[in-house]
Amino acid sequence: MKLTRHQMNRWGGCMRKFAGNDLKDLLVASLGEFAASSSLCKDFEDSAVVEVGGLQLLMTTDMGPLVGTDLEAAGRISALHALSDIYARGGMPKWALATLIIQSDYPSGAMEAAMKGLVRACQEEGVELKGGHTLVGKEAMLGLGVVGIVQNGELLNKIGAHIGDHLFLSKPLGVGMIVRGYALGLADDDALDEAVAVMIRSNQCASRAAVKAAVNAATDVSGFGLLGHLSEMLAPGQGALVYRDRVPVLTSIRALPSQIARTHWIENNLAYIERQRRLIGAIEIDRIGPLLDPQTNGGLLVAATKSAGETLSRVGFEHIGQVTDTDAIAIINGYEQTKGCF
């Protein structure tokens, strides 16, 4: 089942992450005296590790609005977006519970199509859907709570990059900008299809390659954008160099007007990064919009030695930068600009 552009504007959407700075402030305020010691305020890992009988389990939950006009594809994307948090830790998702918010005026058959897509994605990824929960709300949403396993102790962590590590990204950026552009009549059906093709691609192969390559740090790129999640990967005393012209982006981005990058989601992500690291270099928001764009089921971002690049490139990872010994994230246009950029 498909929605028209008008129906998508009314009922559809894109992933809308709570602003990073607001989230940190909320956690500190709600946890009170426990905030300083709580992993909720320190780790910001993609999924939690729980020890059960000597077995390491991974737990996560994620949900959001249905993305795009094809509702079965939107359901698949919702499932894959939640499973990605397990893949970012190098784990294999095994069991899931679905959460479905049903919008009372949604078109007949719409939620059935979305659930069909979610179930199909779980089956394809080897995940057993054990049950779930339904609510009636003002906006249709779909997601999963997921439990996965860590195989042979091969757990990937967000923090762990070494100075001199190279940065690799497994998917192109810009899906949020394309979905918004489509909703505003600024992007056509081909552009939306390009974005959906990226969102509907599982991160399972990228995760297996990251484990095989023994990467030092990993995360998935979602609501805080590439630069937001990169800033979370960097330990004290670390910075990064990002080669803007090497970062893969959707080809349809080129046809969008520059003002599409000026949304409060992108501006919130910029503020989130600047609270954690200096951002220097070619940082005009119109030029780095895709690097700040919230992604739905975005790719994996990993830090690894140069020798790992061959293994990673076989499944589509692109070399986009390097971990440095500064407190800044520098955006430059290519290798030739590395000297003296700090």
Protein backbone atom coordinates (compact mmCIF):
# COMPACT_ATOMS: atom_id res chain seq x y z
CA MET A 1 0.00 0.00 0.00
CA LYS A 2 1.26 3.46 -0.90
CA LEU A 3 0.42 6.95 0.28
CA THR A 4 0.25 10.00 -1.97
CA ARG A 5 2.59 12.90 -1.29
CA HIS A 6 -0.32 14.73 0.37
CA GLN A 7 -1.10 11.71 2.57
CA MET A 8 2.55 11.35 3.49
CA ASN A 9 2.59 14.98 4.63
CA ARG A 10 -0.44 14.30 6.78
CA TRP A 11 0.34 10.84 8.11
CA GLY A 12 3.92 9.99 7.22
CA GLY A 13 7.18 11.49 8.34
CA CYS A 14 10.86 10.97 9.01
CA MET A 15 12.80 10.10 12.13
CA ARG A 16 12.68 13.04 14.54
CA LYS A 17 15.24 12.61 17.29
CA PHE A 18 14.93 14.50 20.55
CA ALA A 19 17.68 17.16 20.52
CA GLY A 20 20.93 15.80 21.93
CA ASN A 21 21.54 18.64 24.36
CA ASP A 22 17.95 18.44 25.60
CA LEU A 23 18.32 14.68 26.10
CA LYS A 24 21.46 15.08 28.20
CA ASP A 25 19.82 17.79 30.30
CA LEU A 26 16.72 15.62 30.77
CA LEU A 27 18.76 12.64 31.97
CA VAL A 28 20.81 14.72 34.40
CA ALA A 29 17.68 16.39 35.81
CA SER A 30 15.69 13.16 36.13
CA LEU A 31 18.50 11.04 37.61
CA GLY A 32 19.52 13.68 40.14
CA GLU A 33 22.31 12.50 42.44
CA PHE A 34 22.72 9.29 40.42
CA ALA A 35 23.51 11.14 37.18
CA ALA A 36 27.29 11.24 37.73
CA SER A 37 27.58 7.45 38.03
CA SER A 38 24.82 6.37 35.63
CA SER A 39 25.77 4.81 32.30
CA LEU A 40 22.75 6.62 30.82
CA CYS A 41 24.66 9.90 31.14
CA LYS A 42 28.13 8.60 30.28
CA ASP A 43 28.20 5.78 27.76
CA PHE A 44 25.50 6.62 25.20
CA GLU A 45 26.07 3.16 23.75
CA ASP A 46 23.80 1.91 20.98
CA SER A 47 22.52 -1.00 23.08
CA ALA A 48 22.91 -2.21 26.65
CA VAL A 49 24.94 -5.28 27.60
CA VAL A 50 23.39 -7.61 30.16
CA GLU A 51 25.14 -10.68 31.63
CA VAL A 52 22.83 -13.68 32.04
CA GLY A 53 24.30 -17.01 33.12
CA GLY A 54 27.65 -16.24 31.55
CA LEU A 55 26.02 -15.15 28.29
CA GLN A 56 26.24 -11.57 27.07
CA LEU A 57 22.90 -10.25 25.81
CA LEU A 58 22.31 -6.96 24.02
CA MET A 59 19.11 -4.99 24.60
CA THR A 60 17.70 -1.99 22.74
CA THR A 61 14.44 -0.31 21.83
CA ASP A 62 13.60 2.15 19.08
CA MET A 63 10.53 3.45 17.30
CA GLY A 64 9.43 6.35 15.18
CA PRO A 65 7.05 7.64 12.48
CA LEU A 66 6.56 5.64 9.30
CA VAL A 67 8.95 6.93 6.63
CA GLY A 68 8.04 7.43 2.97
CA THR A 69 4.97 6.59 0.91
CA ASP A 70 5.31 2.80 0.59
CA LEU A 71 3.94 1.55 3.90
CA GLU A 72 5.29 -1.99 3.66
CA ALA A 73 8.74 -0.54 3.02
CA ALA A 74 8.18 1.86 5.94
CA GLY A 75 7.50 -1.09 8.23
CA ARG A 76 10.69 -2.82 7.10
CA ILE A 77 12.65 0.38 7.69
CA SER A 78 11.23 0.70 11.21
CA ALA A 79 12.37 -2.82 12.04
CA LEU A 80 15.83 -2.45 10.49
CA HIS A 81 16.34 0.89 12.25
CA ALA A 82 15.80 -0.78 15.64
CA LEU A 83 17.93 -3.84 14.76
CA SER A 84 20.77 -1.54 13.72
CA ASP A 85 21.56 -0.76 17.38
CA ILE A 86 22.39 -4.45 17.88
CA TYR A 87 24.46 -4.58 14.70
CA ALA A 88 26.41 -1.49 15.80
CA ARG A 89 27.67 -3.51 18.79
CA GLY A 90 28.69 -6.44 16.58
CA GLY A 91 25.83 -8.58 17.88
CA MET A 92 23.12 -10.70 16.26
CA PRO A 93 19.49 -9.78 17.03
CA LYS A 94 17.46 -12.84 18.02
CA TRP A 95 14.14 -11.83 19.62
CA ALA A 96 11.89 -8.77 19.40
CA LEU A 97 8.68 -7.20 20.66
CA ALA A 98 6.80 -4.78 18.44
CA THR A 99 5.31 -1.47 19.57
CA LEU A 100 2.59 -0.04 17.35
CA ILE A 101 0.88 3.32 17.76
CA ILE A 102 -2.24 3.40 15.60
CA GLN A 103 -3.50 6.74 14.34
CA SER A 104 -7.29 6.75 14.42
CA ASP A 105 -7.75 8.47 11.05
CA TYR A 106 -5.06 6.49 9.22
CA PRO A 107 -6.13 5.03 5.83
CA SER A 108 -7.77 1.61 5.95
CA GLY A 109 -5.22 -1.18 5.65
CA ALA A 110 -2.26 1.13 6.24
CA MET A 111 -1.08 -0.33 9.54
CA GLU A 112 -1.56 -3.87 8.24
CA ALA A 113 0.82 -3.04 5.38
CA ALA A 114 3.36 -1.49 7.75
CA MET A 115 3.21 -4.48 10.12
CA LYS A 116 3.63 -6.83 7.16
CA GLY A 117 6.86 -5.04 6.30
CA LEU A 118 8.09 -5.19 9.89
CA VAL A 119 7.37 -8.93 10.15
CA ARG A 120 9.09 -9.56 6.81
CA ALA A 121 12.22 -7.70 7.94
CA CYS A 122 12.36 -9.70 11.17
CA GLN A 123 12.07 -12.96 9.24
CA GLU A 124 14.81 -11.94 6.80
CA GLU A 125 17.15 -10.97 9.64
CA GLY A 126 16.54 -14.18 11.59
CA VAL A 127 14.68 -12.42 14.42
CA GLU A 128 11.79 -14.11 16.19
CA LEU A 129 8.94 -11.68 16.83
CA LYS A 130 7.57 -12.77 20.23
CA GLY A 131 4.72 -10.27 20.72
CA GLY A 132 4.25 -6.59 21.37
CA HIS A 133 2.01 -3.75 22.41
CA THR A 134 -0.48 -1.46 20.64
CA LEU A 135 -1.75 2.02 21.45
CA VAL A 136 -3.97 4.60 19.79
CA GLY A 137 -2.29 7.99 19.40
CA LYS A 138 -2.10 11.20 17.40
CA GLU A 139 0.64 9.93 15.07
CA ALA A 140 1.25 6.46 13.65
CA MET A 141 4.54 4.97 14.83
CA LEU A 142 6.17 1.58 14.72
CA GLY A 143 9.24 0.08 16.36
CA LEU A 144 10.86 -2.82 18.15
CA GLY A 145 12.36 -3.75 21.47
CA VAL A 146 15.18 -6.16 20.59
CA VAL A 147 17.34 -8.69 22.40
CA GLY A 148 20.49 -9.92 20.69
CA ILE A 149 23.51 -12.02 21.51
CA VAL A 150 27.24 -11.30 21.50
CA GLN A 151 29.01 -14.03 19.56
CA ASN A 152 32.38 -15.30 20.80
CA GLY A 153 32.90 -12.18 22.92
CA GLU A 154 33.11 -10.03 19.77
CA LEU A 155 31.53 -6.91 21.25
CA LEU A 156 32.01 -3.57 19.51
CA ASN A 157 31.99 -0.37 21.57
CA LYS A 158 31.36 3.25 20.69
CA ILE A 159 34.45 4.41 22.63
CA GLY A 160 37.76 2.77 21.80
CA ALA A 161 39.18 4.58 18.79
CA HIS A 162 42.94 5.14 18.75
CA ILE A 163 44.62 8.34 17.61
CA GLY A 164 45.58 7.73 13.99
CA ASP A 165 42.69 5.35 13.31
CA HIS A 166 40.88 5.80 10.02
CA LEU A 167 37.14 6.48 9.86
CA PHE A 168 34.91 4.43 7.55
CA LEU A 169 31.19 4.84 6.74
CA SER A 170 29.01 2.09 5.24
CA LYS A 171 26.08 4.05 3.74
CA PRO A 172 25.53 7.39 2.02
CA LEU A 173 23.98 10.27 3.96
CA GLY A 174 21.04 12.54 3.25
CA VAL A 175 17.91 10.41 3.65
CA GLY A 176 16.34 12.87 6.08
CA MET A 177 16.90 15.79 3.71
CA ILE A 178 15.42 13.85 0.78
CA VAL A 179 12.32 12.77 2.74
CA ARG A 180 11.74 16.36 3.88
CA GLY A 181 12.42 17.63 0.37
CA TYR A 182 9.87 15.21 -1.04
CA ALA A 183 7.26 16.26 1.49
CA LEU A 184 7.82 19.92 0.49
CA GLY A 185 7.61 19.19 -3.24
CA LEU A 186 11.34 19.84 -3.73
CA ALA A 187 12.31 16.25 -4.57
CA ASP A 188 10.72 13.80 -7.01
CA ASP A 189 9.77 10.13 -6.79
CA ASP A 190 13.19 8.99 -8.04
CA ALA A 191 14.88 10.89 -5.21
CA LEU A 192 12.59 9.31 -2.62
CA ASP A 193 13.20 5.86 -4.12
CA GLU A 194 16.96 6.43 -3.79
CA ALA A 195 16.57 7.33 -0.12
CA VAL A 196 14.29 4.36 0.60
CA ALA A 197 16.77 1.99 -1.07
CA VAL A 198 19.40 3.11 1.46
CA MET A 199 17.08 2.95 4.47
CA ILE A 200 15.80 -0.51 3.57
CA ARG A 201 19.32 -1.99 3.49
CA SER A 202 20.23 -4.01 6.58
CA ASN A 203 23.40 -3.27 8.54
CA GLN A 204 24.00 -6.97 9.18
CA CYS A 205 26.74 -7.38 6.53
CA ALA A 206 28.46 -4.17 7.61
CA SER A 207 28.40 -5.37 11.21
CA ARG A 208 29.93 -8.77 10.33
CA ALA A 209 32.65 -7.02 8.33
CA ALA A 210 33.39 -4.66 11.24
CA VAL A 211 33.78 -7.62 13.60
CA LYS A 212 35.98 -9.48 11.11
CA ALA A 213 38.15 -6.40 10.64
CA ALA A 214 38.49 -6.01 14.45
CA VAL A 215 37.57 -2.32 14.34
CA ASN A 216 38.42 -0.31 17.45
CA ALA A 217 35.11 1.58 17.75
CA ALA A 218 31.71 1.52 16.06
CA THR A 219 28.32 3.20 16.09
CA ASP A 220 25.40 3.58 13.74
CA VAL A 221 24.50 6.94 12.25
CA SER A 222 20.95 7.91 13.13
CA GLY A 223 19.20 10.88 14.71
CA PHE A 224 22.24 12.97 15.66
CA GLY A 225 23.74 12.78 12.17
CA LEU A 226 27.24 11.69 11.18
CA LEU A 227 29.03 14.44 13.08
CA GLY A 228 26.86 14.06 16.19
CA HIS A 229 27.54 10.34 16.48
CA LEU A 230 31.21 10.87 15.61
CA SER A 231 31.49 13.33 18.52
CA GLU A 232 30.14 10.60 20.84
CA MET A 233 32.86 8.18 19.65
CA LEU A 234 35.74 10.47 20.57
CA ALA A 235 37.39 10.06 23.97
CA PRO A 236 38.85 13.04 25.89
CA GLY A 237 41.87 14.37 24.04
CA GLN A 238 40.68 13.03 20.71
CA GLY A 239 39.37 14.85 17.66
CA ALA A 240 38.75 13.96 14.04
CA LEU A 241 39.49 15.02 10.51
CA VAL A 242 36.58 14.51 8.08
CA TYR A 243 37.14 14.71 4.32
CA ARG A 244 33.87 16.27 3.21
CA ASP A 245 34.28 15.36 -0.45
CA ARG A 246 34.87 11.70 0.47
CA VAL A 247 31.73 11.33 2.57
CA PRO A 248 29.15 9.44 0.44
CA VAL A 249 25.85 11.29 -0.01
CA LEU A 250 22.73 10.55 -2.03
CA THR A 251 23.03 11.82 -5.59
CA SER A 252 19.60 13.48 -5.34
CA ILE A 253 20.93 15.85 -2.66
CA ARG A 254 22.58 17.95 -5.39
CA ALA A 255 19.19 18.97 -6.78
CA LEU A 256 17.85 20.28 -3.46
CA PRO A 257 18.03 24.00 -2.62
CA SER A 258 20.60 24.86 0.04
CA GLN A 259 17.95 26.03 2.50
CA ILE A 260 16.78 22.42 2.97
CA ALA A 261 19.74 22.10 5.38
CA ARG A 262 18.34 24.85 7.60
CA THR A 263 15.92 22.90 9.77
CA HIS A 264 15.74 22.85 13.52
CA TRP A 265 16.75 19.14 13.51
CA ILE A 266 20.00 19.94 11.71
CA GLU A 267 20.58 23.05 13.81
CA ASN A 268 19.97 21.02 17.00
CA ASN A 269 22.58 18.50 15.86
CA LEU A 270 25.06 21.29 15.20
CA ALA A 271 24.48 22.64 18.73
CA TYR A 272 24.91 19.12 20.16
CA ILE A 273 28.30 18.70 18.48
CA GLU A 274 29.55 22.14 19.49
CA ARG A 275 28.76 21.38 23.13
CA GLN A 276 31.21 18.46 22.97
CA ARG A 277 33.91 19.46 20.44
CA ARG A 278 35.17 22.45 18.53
CA LEU A 279 33.97 22.29 14.94
CA ILE A 280 36.39 23.96 12.51
CA GLY A 281 37.16 24.19 8.81
CA ALA A 282 34.53 24.21 6.05
CA ILE A 283 31.60 24.27 8.48
CA GLU A 284 28.97 26.45 6.74
CA ILE A 285 25.69 24.70 7.47
CA ASP A 286 24.60 24.83 3.82
CA ARG A 287 27.72 22.83 2.89
CA ILE A 288 27.71 20.26 5.67
CA GLY A 289 23.95 19.70 5.91
CA PRO A 290 24.20 15.98 4.98
CA LEU A 291 26.81 15.47 7.72
CA LEU A 292 24.32 16.83 10.28
CA ASP A 293 21.21 15.27 8.78
CA PRO A 294 19.24 12.84 11.03
CA GLN A 295 19.31 9.40 9.41
CA THR A 296 16.79 6.58 9.61
CA ASN A 297 18.57 3.21 9.56
CA GLY A 298 21.78 4.98 8.59
CA GLY A 299 25.07 3.20 8.06
CA LEU A 300 27.75 2.12 10.49
CA LEU A 301 30.60 4.49 11.33
CA VAL A 302 33.76 2.73 12.49
CA ALA A 303 37.29 3.63 13.55
CA ALA A 304 39.93 1.13 12.51
CA THR A 305 43.51 0.69 11.39
CA LYS A 306 44.32 1.37 7.75
CA SER A 307 44.85 -2.35 7.15
CA ALA A 308 41.18 -3.00 8.02
CA GLY A 309 40.10 -0.90 5.06
CA GLU A 310 40.25 -3.74 2.53
CA THR A 311 37.87 -5.93 4.54
CA LEU A 312 35.50 -3.02 5.13
CA SER A 313 35.50 -1.80 1.52
CA ARG A 314 34.22 -5.18 0.29
CA VAL A 315 30.81 -4.46 1.86
CA GLY A 316 30.63 -0.80 0.86
CA PHE A 317 32.47 1.13 3.58
CA GLU A 318 34.05 4.38 2.39
CA HIS A 319 37.14 5.95 3.97
CA ILE A 320 36.02 9.40 5.18
CA GLY A 321 38.55 10.64 7.74
CA GLN A 322 40.89 10.02 10.62
CA VAL A 323 41.02 10.25 14.43
CA THR A 324 43.40 12.99 15.63
CA ASP A 325 44.99 14.14 18.87
CA THR A 326 43.06 17.44 19.09
CA ASP A 327 39.79 18.39 20.74
CA ALA A 328 38.31 19.50 17.40
CA ILE A 329 36.40 17.96 14.51
CA ALA A 330 37.82 19.54 11.36
CA ILE A 331 35.88 19.44 8.09
CA ILE A 332 38.10 19.76 5.02
CA ASN A 333 37.69 19.09 1.30
CA GLY A 334 40.46 16.55 0.80
CA TYR A 335 43.80 15.11 1.81
CA GLU A 336 45.71 18.03 0.36
CA GLN A 337 44.31 20.34 3.05
CA THR A 338 45.43 18.31 6.06
CA LYS A 339 48.59 20.26 6.75
CA GLY A 340 48.17 23.21 9.06
CA CYS A 341 44.38 22.89 9.31
CA PHE A 342 44.50 23.21 13.10
